[in-house]
């Protein structure tokens, strides 16, 4: 990274939300007034949603009117990325603001099953813990997937409240991570297992609406809504009869485009109810609402115009939809080409709340609040990925992308070749070599993959079967 870019990041990282407000012409506020202006934050994370799965991103097989409206009221990203091509690894990046490979749990792609040493360390600063220390009430409703009880969990990592599942995928109706009478439900209130009837997407939305209804305006809140939709099993809101016939949650013989559409529409409808409650409560103007996905889409997703899907470092596996609305500060109907990544949300939202990240755990992500507020123009980024014990590697530097996959290496110009079809490695050998060297230098600063990493100790077929059963 150049000296100019480093200096630029230091300047942006030092801007608090309130100093940024002055950039937009807002007058100086007293300390008491500043406390009252802190925005509420609702972070909505979909699971395995493809880049083109919303109407506003090009979906034509079904409509997503509520998320389309959210985009019309705010800012839509066209170059947003996930930290990983699978779920739990991205969630480490999102909640810590750092590359997931700085933590042991982030080496698992994905975390599968309980372990005493694989999870998010409770002592590590997180997005919710940093906001909580800045006066926010915090809650997570939905999927955790960052380590199992008793050592790990949302209540140990900054959330005041939790309702949801600790692991990966669960059935939308039984709320079990597998099939069979001996399989226990993965549904919890805090750290206590509970039983509740209902389609999981709707249960999360109902709990979110109730939470918003109870807000009294005494403290700002940070509400994480981590849906499992549209992750398999392939069950729409009224498919309980179909669910009763599922013998394996991954069910290779199940699912279709129509069912997938029902799942995404169900997600959109649920989010619409939450946003309606927010508006009825009069909180919408000063609430930041973010919507994005944990990785690229899977078998029934629309990832056009990109190639690839979940579990691949092709654009279709890591390019995700991302929308942010904040009526009080962000102008409506905007589209940005700013390159972003999951781990940017921590420094960005902490800045919006008037705080700063922990000096001992400096983010790898960047504070993009100046771009969101129009105080800065979009700029280029240098981002890195690795996947499955380095079998896949990727670097994005400006418009260029280095990719290694299936033993082959490529150089693409994403501004001209979104499909990643024209290999420019021989045409620009110096650029190709430079990006490879940059990846090597970055990788040397991350934790290495060792024999203890369970993801890589299983042979390919067994791992695939295990992955399909446990969920991601």
Foldseek 3Di string as FASTA:
>chain_A
DDPVVVVVQVVQLPFFQQNLVVVVVDDDDDPVVLQLLQFFEEEEAEAQAAACFAVCNPDDPDHQVQVNVLQQQFEWEPFEWFLALHFLLSVCLQFQLARSLQAPLNQFRHDFDADPRRFDQLVRATLQQLVVVLFAAEEEEEEAQGHDPDGDDDVSHRHPWYWYFDHFDAQQFAQFLWDDPPTDHRTDTGNHDDDDGAGRLLVLLVVLLVVLVPDDSPTHYYYYYYHHPPPWPQAARPRPVVVVPDHFGLPPPDDDLVSNSRRVNSNSVSVSSNVVSCVVSVNQQRYKYKYKYNWAHDDNHDHPPEDDGRQAPTCRSIGMIMGIHHNNAAGGDHYAHANAYSSQVSSQSCSSSRHHDDPVSDRPGGRCNCCRRVVDHHDWDWDWHAGQQRQWIWIGTGQWMWIHHPNDIAIDRCVVCRHRDDGCCVVCVVVNVVSVVVRVVVVVPGNHDDPVRVLRVDPDVVSVVSCSSRHD
